[in-house]
PDB file of N, CA and C in Angstrom:
ATOM      1  N   UNK A   1      -6.064 -13.138  13.412  1.00  0.00           N
ATOM      2  CA  UNK A   1      -6.612 -11.964  12.757  1.00  0.00           C
ATOM      3  C   UNK A   1      -7.299 -12.391  11.466  1.00  0.00           C
ATOM      4  N   UNK A   2      -8.396 -11.791  11.166  1.00  0.00           N
ATOM      5  CA  UNK A   2      -9.187 -12.155   9.992  1.00  0.00           C
ATOM      6  C   UNK A   2      -8.520 -11.670   8.709  1.00  0.00           C
ATOM      7  N   UNK A   3      -8.470 -12.527   7.717  1.00  0.00           N
ATOM      8  CA  UNK A   3      -7.898 -12.183   6.425  1.00  0.00           C
ATOM      9  C   UNK A   3      -8.885 -11.338   5.631  1.00  0.00           C
ATOM     10  N   UNK A   4      -8.381 -10.275   5.039  1.00  0.00           N
ATOM     11  CA  UNK A   4      -9.233  -9.406   4.250  1.00  0.00           C
ATOM     12  C   UNK A   4      -8.964  -9.624   2.774  1.00  0.00           C
ATOM     13  N   UNK A   5     -10.004  -9.902   2.034  1.00  0.00           N
ATOM     14  CA  UNK A   5      -9.880 -10.078   0.601  1.00  0.00           C
ATOM     15  C   UNK A   5     -10.250  -8.746  -0.050  1.00  0.00           C
ATOM     16  N   UNK A   6      -9.288  -8.190  -0.753  1.00  0.00           N
ATOM     17  CA  UNK A   6      -9.506  -6.894  -1.385  1.00  0.00           C
ATOM     18  C   UNK A   6      -9.002  -6.942  -2.822  1.00  0.00           C
ATOM     19  N   UNK A   7      -9.401  -5.942  -3.589  1.00  0.00           N
ATOM     20  CA  UNK A   7      -8.849  -5.801  -4.934  1.00  0.00           C
ATOM     21  C   UNK A   7      -8.002  -4.532  -4.970  1.00  0.00           C
ATOM     22  N   UNK A   8      -7.382  -4.282  -6.105  1.00  0.00           N
ATOM     23  CA  UNK A   8      -6.465  -3.145  -6.193  1.00  0.00           C
ATOM     24  C   UNK A   8      -7.180  -1.806  -6.022  1.00  0.00           C
ATOM     25  N   UNK A   9      -8.446  -1.719  -6.417  1.00  0.00           N
ATOM     26  CA  UNK A   9      -9.196  -0.465  -6.244  1.00  0.00           C
ATOM     27  C   UNK A   9      -9.407  -0.167  -4.760  1.00  0.00           C
ATOM     28  N   UNK A  10      -9.740  -1.198  -3.992  1.00  0.00           N
ATOM     29  CA  UNK A  10      -9.902  -1.017  -2.544  1.00  0.00           C
ATOM     30  C   UNK A  10      -8.565  -0.657  -1.891  1.00  0.00           C
ATOM     31  N   UNK A  11      -7.496  -1.246  -2.398  1.00  0.00           N
ATOM     32  CA  UNK A  11      -6.156  -0.954  -1.894  1.00  0.00           C
ATOM     33  C   UNK A  11      -5.801   0.511  -2.147  1.00  0.00           C
ATOM     34  N   UNK A  12      -6.072   0.978  -3.363  1.00  0.00           N
ATOM     35  CA  UNK A  12      -5.801   2.393  -3.692  1.00  0.00           C
ATOM     36  C   UNK A  12      -6.635   3.317  -2.815  1.00  0.00           C
ATOM     37  N   UNK A  13      -7.886   2.953  -2.575  1.00  0.00           N
ATOM     38  CA  UNK A  13      -8.758   3.763  -1.715  1.00  0.00           C
ATOM     39  C   UNK A  13      -8.215   3.806  -0.287  1.00  0.00           C
ATOM     40  N   UNK A  14      -7.691   2.685   0.181  1.00  0.00           N
ATOM     41  CA  UNK A  14      -7.107   2.640   1.522  1.00  0.00           C
ATOM     42  C   UNK A  14      -5.904   3.563   1.612  1.00  0.00           C
ATOM     43  N   UNK A  15      -5.054   3.543   0.591  1.00  0.00           N
ATOM     44  CA  UNK A  15      -3.893   4.433   0.561  1.00  0.00           C
ATOM     45  C   UNK A  15      -4.352   5.888   0.607  1.00  0.00           C
ATOM     46  N   UNK A  16      -5.359   6.217  -0.173  1.00  0.00           N
ATOM     47  CA  UNK A  16      -5.887   7.590  -0.181  1.00  0.00           C
ATOM     48  C   UNK A  16      -6.377   7.982   1.208  1.00  0.00           C
ATOM     49  N   UNK A  17      -7.073   7.067   1.864  1.00  0.00           N
ATOM     50  CA  UNK A  17      -7.567   7.355   3.205  1.00  0.00           C
ATOM     51  C   UNK A  17      -6.449   7.575   4.207  1.00  0.00           C
ATOM     52  N   UNK A  18      -5.427   6.741   4.145  1.00  0.00           N
ATOM     53  CA  UNK A  18      -4.289   6.879   5.056  1.00  0.00           C
ATOM     54  C   UNK A  18      -3.585   8.212   4.837  1.00  0.00           C
ATOM     55  N   UNK A  19      -3.381   8.559   3.564  1.00  0.00           N
ATOM     56  CA  UNK A  19      -2.656   9.786   3.235  1.00  0.00           C
ATOM     57  C   UNK A  19      -3.541  11.031   3.252  1.00  0.00           C
ATOM     58  N   UNK A  20      -4.849  10.805   3.422  1.00  0.00           N
ATOM     59  CA  UNK A  20      -5.828  11.905   3.446  1.00  0.00           C
ATOM     60  C   UNK A  20      -5.771  12.740   2.168  1.00  0.00           C
ATOM     61  N   UNK A  21      -5.812  12.018   1.053  1.00  0.00           N
ATOM     62  CA  UNK A  21      -5.844  12.662  -0.252  1.00  0.00           C
ATOM     63  C   UNK A  21      -7.019  12.079  -1.045  1.00  0.00           C
ATOM     64  N   UNK A  22      -7.353  12.724  -2.138  1.00  0.00           N
ATOM     65  CA  UNK A  22      -8.436  12.252  -2.990  1.00  0.00           C
ATOM     66  C   UNK A  22      -8.063  10.911  -3.612  1.00  0.00           C
ATOM     67  N   UNK A  23      -9.020   9.995  -3.608  1.00  0.00           N
ATOM     68  CA  UNK A  23      -8.791   8.676  -4.218  1.00  0.00           C
ATOM     69  C   UNK A  23      -8.479   8.805  -5.705  1.00  0.00           C
ATOM     70  N   UNK A  24      -8.961   9.861  -6.351  1.00  0.00           N
ATOM     71  CA  UNK A  24      -8.681  10.089  -7.770  1.00  0.00           C
ATOM     72  C   UNK A  24      -7.189  10.271  -8.047  1.00  0.00           C
ATOM     73  N   UNK A  25      -6.432  10.696  -7.037  1.00  0.00           N
ATOM     74  CA  UNK A  25      -4.999  10.924  -7.215  1.00  0.00           C
ATOM     75  C   UNK A  25      -4.182   9.634  -7.148  1.00  0.00           C
ATOM     76  N   UNK A  26      -4.771   8.585  -6.602  1.00  0.00           N
ATOM     77  CA  UNK A  26      -4.032   7.336  -6.387  1.00  0.00           C
ATOM     78  C   UNK A  26      -4.280   6.401  -7.568  1.00  0.00           C
ATOM     79  N   UNK A  27      -3.368   6.450  -8.514  1.00  0.00           N
ATOM     80  CA  UNK A  27      -3.416   5.608  -9.719  1.00  0.00           C
ATOM     81  C   UNK A  27      -2.326   4.545  -9.627  1.00  0.00           C
ATOM     82  N   UNK A  28      -2.519   3.434 -10.321  1.00  0.00           N
ATOM     83  CA  UNK A  28      -1.543   2.339 -10.275  1.00  0.00           C
ATOM     84  C   UNK A  28      -0.131   2.787 -10.637  1.00  0.00           C
ATOM     85  N   UNK A  29      -0.018   3.644 -11.643  1.00  0.00           N
ATOM     86  CA  UNK A  29       1.307   4.048 -12.115  1.00  0.00           C
ATOM     87  C   UNK A  29       1.850   5.283 -11.402  1.00  0.00           C
ATOM     88  N   UNK A  30       1.141   5.756 -10.400  1.00  0.00           N
ATOM     89  CA  UNK A  30       1.556   6.943  -9.669  1.00  0.00           C
ATOM     90  C   UNK A  30       2.718   6.606  -8.735  1.00  0.00           C
ATOM     91  N   UNK A  31       3.756   7.437  -8.781  1.00  0.00           N
ATOM     92  CA  UNK A  31       4.883   7.256  -7.872  1.00  0.00           C
ATOM     93  C   UNK A  31       4.440   7.601  -6.454  1.00  0.00           C
ATOM     94  N   UNK A  32       4.836   6.783  -5.512  1.00  0.00           N
ATOM     95  CA  UNK A  32       4.463   7.033  -4.118  1.00  0.00           C
ATOM     96  C   UNK A  32       4.977   8.388  -3.650  1.00  0.00           C
ATOM     97  N   UNK A  33       6.145   8.784  -4.131  1.00  0.00           N
ATOM     98  CA  UNK A  33       6.703  10.079  -3.736  1.00  0.00           C
ATOM     99  C   UNK A  33       5.933  11.247  -4.343  1.00  0.00           C
ATOM    100  N   UNK A  34       5.144  10.997  -5.398  1.00  0.00           N
ATOM    101  CA  UNK A  34       4.278  12.038  -5.947  1.00  0.00           C
ATOM    102  C   UNK A  34       3.027  12.218  -5.086  1.00  0.00           C
ATOM    103  N   UNK A  35       2.651  11.165  -4.359  1.00  0.00           N
ATOM    104  CA  UNK A  35       1.474  11.246  -3.497  1.00  0.00           C
ATOM    105  C   UNK A  35       1.774  11.996  -2.211  1.00  0.00           C
ATOM    106  N   UNK A  36       2.974  11.801  -1.708  1.00  0.00           N
ATOM    107  CA  UNK A  36       3.384  12.458  -0.465  1.00  0.00           C
ATOM    108  C   UNK A  36       4.900  12.611  -0.480  1.00  0.00           C
ATOM    109  N   UNK A  37       5.362  13.796  -0.157  1.00  0.00           N
ATOM    110  CA  UNK A  37       6.805  14.051  -0.217  1.00  0.00           C
ATOM    111  C   UNK A  37       7.509  13.725   1.102  1.00  0.00           C
ATOM    112  N   UNK A  38       6.764  13.574   2.167  1.00  0.00           N
ATOM    113  CA  UNK A  38       7.330  13.313   3.486  1.00  0.00           C
ATOM    114  C   UNK A  38       7.608  11.819   3.653  1.00  0.00           C
ATOM    115  N   UNK A  39       8.872  11.457   3.789  1.00  0.00           N
ATOM    116  CA  UNK A  39       9.218  10.038   3.905  1.00  0.00           C
ATOM    117  C   UNK A  39       8.623   9.409   5.162  1.00  0.00           C
ATOM    118  N   UNK A  40       8.442  10.193   6.213  1.00  0.00           N
ATOM    119  CA  UNK A  40       7.822   9.660   7.429  1.00  0.00           C
ATOM    120  C   UNK A  40       6.370   9.278   7.173  1.00  0.00           C
ATOM    121  N   UNK A  41       5.691  10.038   6.344  1.00  0.00           N
ATOM    122  CA  UNK A  41       4.298   9.714   6.000  1.00  0.00           C
ATOM    123  C   UNK A  41       4.241   8.411   5.206  1.00  0.00           C
ATOM    124  N   UNK A  42       5.232   8.182   4.351  1.00  0.00           N
ATOM    125  CA  UNK A  42       5.278   6.925   3.597  1.00  0.00           C
ATOM    126  C   UNK A  42       5.518   5.744   4.535  1.00  0.00           C
ATOM    127  N   UNK A  43       6.391   5.921   5.504  1.00  0.00           N
ATOM    128  CA  UNK A  43       6.653   4.861   6.476  1.00  0.00           C
ATOM    129  C   UNK A  43       5.384   4.576   7.281  1.00  0.00           C
ATOM    130  N   UNK A  44       4.707   5.627   7.714  1.00  0.00           N
ATOM    131  CA  UNK A  44       3.448   5.458   8.447  1.00  0.00           C
ATOM    132  C   UNK A  44       2.415   4.721   7.603  1.00  0.00           C
ATOM    133  N   UNK A  45       2.364   5.059   6.306  1.00  0.00           N
ATOM    134  CA  UNK A  45       1.425   4.400   5.414  1.00  0.00           C
ATOM    135  C   UNK A  45       1.719   2.903   5.339  1.00  0.00           C
ATOM    136  N   UNK A  46       2.980   2.549   5.195  1.00  0.00           N
ATOM    137  CA  UNK A  46       3.363   1.134   5.115  1.00  0.00           C
ATOM    138  C   UNK A  46       2.993   0.416   6.413  1.00  0.00           C
ATOM    139  N   UNK A  47       3.240   1.048   7.545  1.00  0.00           N
ATOM    140  CA  UNK A  47       2.897   0.436   8.832  1.00  0.00           C
ATOM    141  C   UNK A  47       1.389   0.215   8.930  1.00  0.00           C
ATOM    142  N   UNK A  48       0.618   1.213   8.534  1.00  0.00           N
ATOM    143  CA  UNK A  48      -0.844   1.066   8.574  1.00  0.00           C
ATOM    144  C   UNK A  48      -1.330  -0.035   7.636  1.00  0.00           C
ATOM    145  N   UNK A  49      -0.743  -0.122   6.443  1.00  0.00           N
ATOM    146  CA  UNK A  49      -1.132  -1.177   5.502  1.00  0.00           C
ATOM    147  C   UNK A  49      -0.801  -2.561   6.064  1.00  0.00           C
ATOM    148  N   UNK A  50       0.359  -2.683   6.700  1.00  0.00           N
ATOM    149  CA  UNK A  50       0.733  -3.961   7.308  1.00  0.00           C
ATOM    150  C   UNK A  50      -0.269  -4.367   8.382  1.00  0.00           C
ATOM    151  N   UNK A  51      -0.652  -3.411   9.206  1.00  0.00           N
ATOM    152  CA  UNK A  51      -1.601  -3.701  10.276  1.00  0.00           C
ATOM    153  C   UNK A  51      -2.992  -4.000   9.729  1.00  0.00           C
ATOM    154  N   UNK A  52      -3.424  -3.227   8.760  1.00  0.00           N
ATOM    155  CA  UNK A  52      -4.764  -3.389   8.196  1.00  0.00           C
ATOM    156  C   UNK A  52      -4.935  -4.745   7.516  1.00  0.00           C
ATOM    157  N   UNK A  53      -3.917  -5.168   6.765  1.00  0.00           N
ATOM    158  CA  UNK A  53      -4.034  -6.374   5.949  1.00  0.00           C
ATOM    159  C   UNK A  53      -3.252  -7.571   6.484  1.00  0.00           C
ATOM    160  N   UNK A  54      -2.647  -7.424   7.653  1.00  0.00           N
ATOM    161  CA  UNK A  54      -1.879  -8.521   8.264  1.00  0.00           C
ATOM    162  C   UNK A  54      -0.823  -9.067   7.312  1.00  0.00           C
ATOM    163  N   UNK A  55      -0.061  -8.161   6.716  1.00  0.00           N
ATOM    164  CA  UNK A  55       1.029  -8.540   5.813  1.00  0.00           C
ATOM    165  C   UNK A  55       2.336  -8.011   6.391  1.00  0.00           C
ATOM    166  N   UNK A  56       3.417  -8.500   5.861  1.00  0.00           N
ATOM    167  CA  UNK A  56       4.742  -8.043   6.295  1.00  0.00           C
ATOM    168  C   UNK A  56       5.470  -7.457   5.101  1.00  0.00           C
ATOM    169  N   UNK A  57       5.875  -6.216   5.253  1.00  0.00           N
ATOM    170  CA  UNK A  57       6.632  -5.529   4.210  1.00  0.00           C
ATOM    171  C   UNK A  57       7.980  -5.134   4.803  1.00  0.00           C
ATOM    172  N   UNK A  58       9.011  -5.802   4.349  1.00  0.00           N
ATOM    173  CA  UNK A  58      10.350  -5.553   4.884  1.00  0.00           C
ATOM    174  C   UNK A  58      11.080  -4.513   4.040  1.00  0.00           C
ATOM    175  N   UNK A  59      12.162  -4.028   4.590  1.00  0.00           N
ATOM    176  CA  UNK A  59      12.990  -3.081   3.849  1.00  0.00           C
ATOM    177  C   UNK A  59      13.460  -3.714   2.541  1.00  0.00           C
ATOM    178  N   UNK A  60      13.770  -4.984   2.589  1.00  0.00           N
ATOM    179  CA  UNK A  60      14.221  -5.707   1.396  1.00  0.00           C
ATOM    180  C   UNK A  60      13.129  -5.768   0.327  1.00  0.00           C
ATOM    181  N   UNK A  61      11.899  -6.079   0.736  1.00  0.00           N
ATOM    182  CA  UNK A  61      10.820  -6.181  -0.250  1.00  0.00           C
ATOM    183  C   UNK A  61      10.399  -4.804  -0.764  1.00  0.00           C
ATOM    184  N   UNK A  62      10.658  -3.777   0.017  1.00  0.00           N
ATOM    185  CA  UNK A  62      10.242  -2.429  -0.388  1.00  0.00           C
ATOM    186  C   UNK A  62      11.313  -1.668  -1.165  1.00  0.00           C
ATOM    187  N   UNK A  63      12.521  -2.212  -1.252  1.00  0.00           N
ATOM    188  CA  UNK A  63      13.616  -1.450  -1.854  1.00  0.00           C
ATOM    189  C   UNK A  63      13.367  -1.045  -3.308  1.00  0.00           C
ATOM    190  N   UNK A  64      12.628  -1.853  -4.061  1.00  0.00           N
ATOM    191  CA  UNK A  64      12.361  -1.530  -5.458  1.00  0.00           C
ATOM    192  C   UNK A  64      10.946  -0.998  -5.691  1.00  0.00           C
ATOM    193  N   UNK A  65      10.211  -0.763  -4.625  1.00  0.00           N
ATOM    194  CA  UNK A  65       8.848  -0.254  -4.748  1.00  0.00           C
ATOM    195  C   UNK A  65       8.901   1.244  -5.028  1.00  0.00           C
ATOM    196  N   UNK A  66       8.311   1.626  -6.162  1.00  0.00           N
ATOM    197  CA  UNK A  66       8.280   3.039  -6.542  1.00  0.00           C
ATOM    198  C   UNK A  66       6.853   3.547  -6.749  1.00  0.00           C
ATOM    199  N   UNK A  67       5.985   2.671  -7.226  1.00  0.00           N
ATOM    200  CA  UNK A  67       4.632   3.085  -7.586  1.00  0.00           C
ATOM    201  C   UNK A  67       3.594   2.365  -6.725  1.00  0.00           C
ATOM    202  N   UNK A  68       2.369   2.823  -6.836  1.00  0.00           N
ATOM    203  CA  UNK A  68       1.251   2.178  -6.155  1.00  0.00           C
ATOM    204  C   UNK A  68       1.150   0.724  -6.619  1.00  0.00           C
ATOM    205  N   UNK A  69       1.311   0.493  -7.900  1.00  0.00           N
ATOM    206  CA  UNK A  69       1.260  -0.862  -8.448  1.00  0.00           C
ATOM    207  C   UNK A  69       2.363  -1.744  -7.868  1.00  0.00           C
ATOM    208  N   UNK A  70       3.573  -1.190  -7.737  1.00  0.00           N
ATOM    209  CA  UNK A  70       4.679  -1.945  -7.131  1.00  0.00           C
ATOM    210  C   UNK A  70       4.324  -2.372  -5.707  1.00  0.00           C
ATOM    211  N   UNK A  71       3.715  -1.463  -4.961  1.00  0.00           N
ATOM    212  CA  UNK A  71       3.331  -1.769  -3.588  1.00  0.00           C
ATOM    213  C   UNK A  71       2.256  -2.849  -3.564  1.00  0.00           C
ATOM    214  N   UNK A  72       1.279  -2.733  -4.461  1.00  0.00           N
ATOM    215  CA  UNK A  72       0.218  -3.745  -4.565  1.00  0.00           C
ATOM    216  C   UNK A  72       0.819  -5.116  -4.866  1.00  0.00           C
ATOM    217  N   UNK A  73       1.831  -5.162  -5.724  1.00  0.00           N
ATOM    218  CA  UNK A  73       2.469  -6.423  -6.091  1.00  0.00           C
ATOM    219  C   UNK A  73       3.177  -7.078  -4.906  1.00  0.00           C
ATOM    220  N   UNK A  74       3.539  -6.304  -3.905  1.00  0.00           N
ATOM    221  CA  UNK A  74       4.130  -6.862  -2.691  1.00  0.00           C
ATOM    222  C   UNK A  74       3.058  -7.328  -1.706  1.00  0.00           C
ATOM    223  N   UNK A  75       1.936  -6.614  -1.651  1.00  0.00           N
ATOM    224  CA  UNK A  75       0.873  -6.927  -0.694  1.00  0.00           C
ATOM    225  C   UNK A  75      -0.025  -8.056  -1.195  1.00  0.00           C
ATOM    226  N   UNK A  76      -0.415  -7.995  -2.460  1.00  0.00           N
ATOM    227  CA  UNK A  76      -1.406  -8.919  -3.001  1.00  0.00           C
ATOM    228  C   UNK A  76      -1.052 -10.403  -2.822  1.00  0.00           C
ATOM    229  N   UNK A  77       0.174 -10.845  -3.130  1.00  0.00           N
ATOM    230  CA  UNK A  77       0.485 -12.265  -2.939  1.00  0.00           C
ATOM    231  C   UNK A  77       0.347 -12.717  -1.478  1.00  0.00           C
ATOM    232  N   UNK A  78       0.655 -11.831  -0.551  1.00  0.00           N
ATOM    233  CA  UNK A  78       0.511 -12.184   0.868  1.00  0.00           C
ATOM    234  C   UNK A  78      -0.963 -12.317   1.242  1.00  0.00           C
ATOM    235  N   UNK A  79      -1.815 -11.488   0.666  1.00  0.00           N
ATOM    236  CA  UNK A  79      -3.244 -11.598   0.915  1.00  0.00           C
ATOM    237  C   UNK A  79      -3.774 -12.922   0.394  1.00  0.00           C
ATOM    238  N   UNK A  80      -3.321 -13.307  -0.800  1.00  0.00           N
ATOM    239  CA  UNK A  80      -3.756 -14.567  -1.402  1.00  0.00           C
ATOM    240  C   UNK A  80      -3.268 -15.748  -0.574  1.00  0.00           C
ATOM    241  N   UNK A  81      -2.084 -15.635   0.000  1.00  0.00           N
ATOM    242  CA  UNK A  81      -1.514 -16.721   0.799  1.00  0.00           C
ATOM    243  C   UNK A  81      -2.316 -16.933   2.084  1.00  0.00           C
ATOM    244  N   UNK A  82      -2.937 -15.848   2.602  1.00  0.00           N
ATOM    245  CA  UNK A  82      -3.725 -15.949   3.837  1.00  0.00           C
ATOM    246  C   UNK A  82      -5.122 -16.501   3.594  1.00  0.00           C
ATOM    247  N   UNK A  83      -5.583 -16.457   2.335  1.00  0.00           N
ATOM    248  CA  UNK A  83      -6.974 -16.868   2.087  1.00  0.00           C
ATOM    249  C   UNK A  83      -7.114 -18.359   1.872  1.00  0.00           C
TER     250      UNK A  83
END
């Protein structure tokens, strides 16, 4: 699978697209639970991000993820490792 090089702005835009919300609402310090209250939607978002960027996000790595920035910090190093 081809590695995708993205920045945090593209990542936030992808999250907005998955959640079908305005990209303006997706800020680095925004709590993921503020973006969507349905935990199933958050799980779906994580699955889509894993598939889109060929990364692995485990329950262990996600346990302390609260914000968009926290999620980026889990995805970004894996993207760099693939490049």
